C-alpha cells in the first residue's frame, strides 16, 4: 500500500516569514555626521583648490600684461630717444630753415611792389600795330608816394605810376587801334592821347600818356610761394 502526502499550499519565501521583512539602520549618528563632514571637507577643499587655480591664472595673465606694457613703454622710450637724437642732429638745418623763412618774409615785405618791367614793355610792344613804331617810352613809379599819401584808385586798383609814349605811324587811324589794344592790357588805365598829326612824307607822329595800377605787381616774391621767386 502506497501513501502520498501533498501540501495544501506553496512554500513561503524567506522574507515572507513573520518578522523577517523588518529592516533597521543601526549606524550611530556620530558616524553618519563624520561621514558627512568628510564629504563637506572634500567639497570645500576642491572649491578652494579651484579658486587658487583661478588666482594663479589671473596673476599670470596680469603679469604677462604688465610685462607687455613694460616692453611697449621701453620701446616707446627708446624710439623717443632716437627721435630726440635725430632732432638734435638736424637742429642746425631747422635753424637755417627758420632763417630762410624769415628772410623770405622780409623780401616779400620789401618787394611787394615789384613790377616785371620787361614783361610789361613786351606787352606794350605786342599791342603796337605793324604800321607803327615807338620812338620814346618812359615809365615813372610813385608807389612810395601813393602809400605815404592818399592813393588814387581807379576801378578798384591803386595807381602806382605813369607812362609816356611817343612814336610814328602810317595813318592817323593807327593810333585808335593802338589805344584799343593798350586798354586791354591789365594795369593800364586813363589812356590820354597827346597828339596825332601827319608828318613828313605822309607819316604820322603821335604821343600819349596812361596811368599804371597795382595790377602790374608781379607777386613773385610773395612769402606764400615756395622758394619765393
Protein backbone atom coordinates (compact mmCIF):
# COMPACT_ATOMS: atom_id res chain seq x y z
CA UNK A 1 0.00 0.00 0.00
CA UNK A 2 1.36 3.43 -1.06
CA UNK A 3 0.63 6.64 0.77
CA UNK A 4 1.09 10.14 -0.94
CA UNK A 5 1.33 13.33 1.09
CA UNK A 6 0.55 16.60 -0.70
CA UNK A 7 0.99 20.15 0.63
CA UNK A 8 -2.08 22.22 0.63
CA UNK A 9 -0.15 25.50 -0.24
CA UNK A 10 3.15 26.62 -1.89
CA UNK A 11 6.10 27.09 0.45
CA UNK A 12 6.69 30.67 1.66
CA UNK A 13 9.77 32.61 0.68
CA UNK A 14 12.12 33.68 3.47
CA UNK A 15 11.19 37.39 3.51
CA UNK A 16 7.57 36.50 3.77
CA UNK A 17 8.13 34.84 7.06
CA UNK A 18 6.88 36.68 10.10
CA UNK A 19 9.46 39.22 11.30
CA UNK A 20 11.91 38.55 8.50
CA UNK A 21 10.96 41.71 6.44
CA UNK A 22 11.82 44.17 9.19
CA UNK A 23 14.95 46.39 8.47
CA UNK A 24 16.58 48.92 10.79
CA UNK A 25 19.61 51.25 10.32
CA UNK A 26 21.67 50.82 13.41
CA UNK A 27 24.51 53.13 12.20
CA UNK A 28 25.45 55.51 15.02
CA UNK A 29 24.59 59.22 14.31
CA UNK A 30 28.15 60.21 15.13
CA UNK A 31 29.44 58.02 12.32
CA UNK A 32 26.90 59.49 9.88
CA UNK A 33 27.85 63.04 10.87
CA UNK A 34 31.53 62.22 10.50
CA UNK A 35 30.97 60.85 7.02
CA UNK A 36 29.02 63.97 6.02
CA UNK A 37 31.74 66.17 7.46
CA UNK A 38 34.37 64.32 5.42
CA UNK A 39 32.32 64.83 2.26
CA UNK A 40 31.88 68.55 3.05
CA UNK A 41 35.60 68.94 3.68
CA UNK A 42 36.36 67.35 0.33
CA UNK A 43 33.95 69.76 -1.42
CA UNK A 44 35.44 72.76 0.40
CA UNK A 45 38.97 71.62 -0.42
CA UNK A 46 38.04 71.18 -4.07
CA UNK A 47 36.44 74.65 -4.19
CA UNK A 48 39.48 76.24 -2.54
CA UNK A 49 41.74 74.45 -4.98
CA UNK A 50 39.69 75.78 -7.92
CA UNK A 51 39.82 79.32 -6.51
CA UNK A 52 43.58 79.03 -6.03
CA UNK A 53 43.99 77.86 -9.63
CA UNK A 54 41.91 80.82 -10.85
CA UNK A 55 44.01 83.23 -8.75
CA UNK A 56 47.22 81.77 -10.13
CA UNK A 57 45.89 82.05 -13.71
CA UNK A 58 44.75 85.63 -13.12
CA UNK A 59 48.11 86.58 -11.63
CA UNK A 60 49.93 85.01 -14.55
CA UNK A 61 47.71 86.88 -17.01
CA UNK A 62 48.20 90.19 -15.17
CA UNK A 63 51.96 89.63 -15.03
CA UNK A 64 52.02 88.90 -18.75
CA UNK A 65 50.03 92.08 -19.49
CA UNK A 66 52.32 94.10 -17.24
CA UNK A 67 55.34 92.65 -18.99
CA UNK A 68 53.91 93.55 -22.42
CA UNK A 69 53.09 97.07 -21.24
CA UNK A 70 56.59 97.49 -19.84
CA UNK A 71 58.09 96.29 -23.11
CA UNK A 72 55.91 98.70 -25.10
CA UNK A 73 56.89 101.55 -22.78
CA UNK A 74 60.58 100.71 -23.12
CA UNK A 75 60.26 100.58 -26.91
CA UNK A 76 58.44 103.92 -26.97
CA UNK A 77 61.09 105.47 -24.73
CA UNK A 78 63.87 104.15 -26.96
CA UNK A 79 62.10 105.44 -30.08
CA UNK A 80 61.60 108.83 -28.45
CA UNK A 81 65.28 108.95 -27.58
CA UNK A 82 66.17 108.17 -31.19
CA UNK A 83 63.87 110.92 -32.45
CA UNK A 84 65.35 113.38 -29.96
CA UNK A 85 68.85 112.47 -31.10
CA UNK A 86 67.85 112.94 -34.75
CA UNK A 87 66.22 116.25 -33.93
CA UNK A 88 69.37 117.44 -32.20
CA UNK A 89 71.40 116.25 -35.16
CA UNK A 90 69.39 118.35 -37.59
CA UNK A 91 68.84 121.33 -35.29
CA UNK A 92 71.20 123.36 -37.47
CA UNK A 93 69.09 122.60 -40.52
CA UNK A 94 65.90 123.71 -38.79
CA UNK A 95 67.61 126.91 -37.67
CA UNK A 96 68.69 127.57 -41.26
CA UNK A 97 65.16 126.90 -42.48
CA UNK A 98 63.83 129.34 -39.91
CA UNK A 99 66.35 131.97 -41.01
CA UNK A 100 65.46 131.39 -44.67
CA UNK A 101 61.76 131.76 -43.88
CA UNK A 102 62.47 134.98 -42.01
CA UNK A 103 64.49 136.37 -44.92
CA UNK A 104 61.77 135.34 -47.35
CA UNK A 105 59.25 137.23 -45.26
CA UNK A 106 61.44 140.33 -45.26
CA UNK A 107 62.00 140.09 -49.00
CA UNK A 108 58.27 139.66 -49.53
CA UNK A 109 57.60 142.79 -47.48
CA UNK A 110 60.26 144.83 -49.29
CA UNK A 111 59.40 143.56 -52.77
CA UNK A 112 55.61 143.54 -52.53
CA UNK A 113 55.56 146.41 -55.07
CA UNK A 114 57.82 144.61 -57.53
CA UNK A 115 56.86 145.09 -61.20
CA UNK A 116 58.17 142.95 -64.03
CA UNK A 117 59.00 145.91 -66.30
CA UNK A 118 60.42 143.74 -69.06
CA UNK A 119 57.21 141.74 -69.28
CA UNK A 120 55.14 144.93 -69.27
CA UNK A 121 57.18 146.62 -72.02
CA UNK A 122 56.92 143.44 -74.11
CA UNK A 123 53.12 143.51 -73.71
CA UNK A 124 53.01 147.18 -74.83
CA UNK A 125 55.16 146.46 -77.87
CA UNK A 126 52.94 143.46 -78.65
CA UNK A 127 49.91 145.77 -78.83
CA UNK A 128 51.63 148.01 -81.36
CA UNK A 129 50.24 147.61 -84.91
CA UNK A 130 52.71 146.68 -87.60
CA UNK A 131 52.32 150.13 -89.20
CA UNK A 132 53.53 151.94 -86.07
CA UNK A 133 56.84 152.31 -84.23
CA UNK A 134 57.77 153.60 -80.75
CA UNK A 135 60.44 156.28 -80.59
CA UNK A 136 60.27 157.09 -76.88
CA UNK A 137 58.83 155.23 -73.86
CA UNK A 138 59.16 156.49 -70.29
CA UNK A 139 57.78 154.98 -67.04
CA UNK A 140 57.68 156.62 -63.61
CA UNK A 141 56.58 154.72 -60.49
CA UNK A 142 55.25 156.51 -57.45
CA UNK A 143 54.22 153.58 -55.23
CA UNK A 144 56.04 155.04 -52.21
CA UNK A 145 54.33 158.41 -52.62
CA UNK A 146 50.95 156.71 -53.05
CA UNK A 147 51.47 154.69 -49.88
CA UNK A 148 52.51 157.79 -47.91
CA UNK A 149 49.63 159.97 -49.09
CA UNK A 150 46.12 159.35 -50.38
CA UNK A 151 46.41 156.84 -53.24
CA UNK A 152 44.45 157.31 -56.44
CA UNK A 153 42.07 154.44 -57.04
CA UNK A 154 40.68 153.66 -60.50
CA UNK A 155 38.25 150.78 -60.95
CA UNK A 156 39.26 149.23 -57.61
CA UNK A 157 43.00 149.36 -58.45
CA UNK A 158 45.55 151.77 -56.98
CA UNK A 159 47.57 153.95 -59.36
CA UNK A 160 51.29 153.32 -58.85
CA UNK A 161 52.86 155.22 -61.76
CA UNK A 162 52.57 156.94 -65.11
CA UNK A 163 53.89 156.24 -68.60
CA UNK A 164 54.52 158.49 -71.57
CA UNK A 165 54.88 157.12 -75.06
CA UNK A 166 55.53 158.65 -78.47
CA UNK A 167 56.15 157.24 -81.89
CA UNK A 168 55.24 157.22 -85.57
CA UNK A 169 52.54 155.63 -87.69
CA UNK A 170 51.42 155.28 -91.25
CA UNK A 171 47.90 156.70 -90.95
CA UNK A 172 46.04 158.75 -88.36
CA UNK A 173 43.69 155.85 -87.64
CA UNK A 174 46.59 153.70 -86.42
CA UNK A 175 46.53 155.43 -83.02
CA UNK A 176 42.94 154.42 -82.25
CA UNK A 177 43.80 150.78 -82.98
CA UNK A 178 46.83 151.02 -80.69
CA UNK A 179 44.76 152.61 -77.91
CA UNK A 180 42.18 149.81 -78.06
CA UNK A 181 44.87 147.16 -77.66
CA UNK A 182 46.61 149.07 -74.86
CA UNK A 183 43.33 149.33 -72.93
CA UNK A 184 43.07 145.56 -72.87
CA UNK A 185 46.41 145.18 -71.03
CA UNK A 186 45.91 144.70 -67.24
CA UNK A 187 47.38 147.57 -65.23
CA UNK A 188 46.81 150.35 -67.81
CA UNK A 189 44.14 152.98 -67.10
CA UNK A 190 43.40 156.61 -68.01
CA UNK A 191 44.67 156.44 -71.59
CA UNK A 192 45.01 160.04 -72.89
CA UNK A 193 46.20 160.75 -76.46
CA UNK A 194 48.51 163.78 -76.55
CA UNK A 195 48.87 164.35 -80.24
CA UNK A 196 48.32 162.60 -83.55
CA UNK A 197 49.42 164.59 -86.58
CA UNK A 198 50.63 163.90 -90.08
CA UNK A 199 54.35 164.38 -90.56
CA UNK A 200 56.72 164.49 -93.47
CA UNK A 201 56.33 162.06 -96.33
CA UNK A 202 52.80 161.11 -95.18
CA UNK A 203 53.93 159.53 -91.87
CA UNK A 204 52.16 160.41 -88.61
CA UNK A 205 53.55 161.30 -85.23
CA UNK A 206 51.70 160.60 -82.02
CA UNK A 207 52.10 160.82 -78.25
CA UNK A 208 50.03 159.55 -75.35
CA UNK A 209 50.06 159.07 -71.59
CA UNK A 210 48.46 156.50 -69.30
CA UNK A 211 48.48 155.53 -65.63
CA UNK A 212 49.77 152.26 -64.18
CA UNK A 213 47.98 150.37 -61.41
CA UNK A 214 48.93 147.73 -58.84
CA UNK A 215 47.64 145.05 -61.22
CA UNK A 216 51.20 145.10 -62.59
CA UNK A 217 52.68 143.78 -59.34
CA UNK A 218 54.45 140.51 -60.12
CA UNK A 219 53.96 138.86 -56.68
CA UNK A 220 56.96 136.68 -57.46
CA UNK A 221 58.47 137.37 -54.04
CA UNK A 222 55.34 136.61 -52.02
CA UNK A 223 56.09 134.57 -48.91
CA UNK A 224 53.18 132.23 -49.68
CA UNK A 225 55.06 130.93 -52.73
CA UNK A 226 57.52 128.14 -52.06
CA UNK A 227 61.01 129.36 -52.74
CA UNK A 228 59.83 132.95 -53.17
CA UNK A 229 60.55 133.75 -56.78
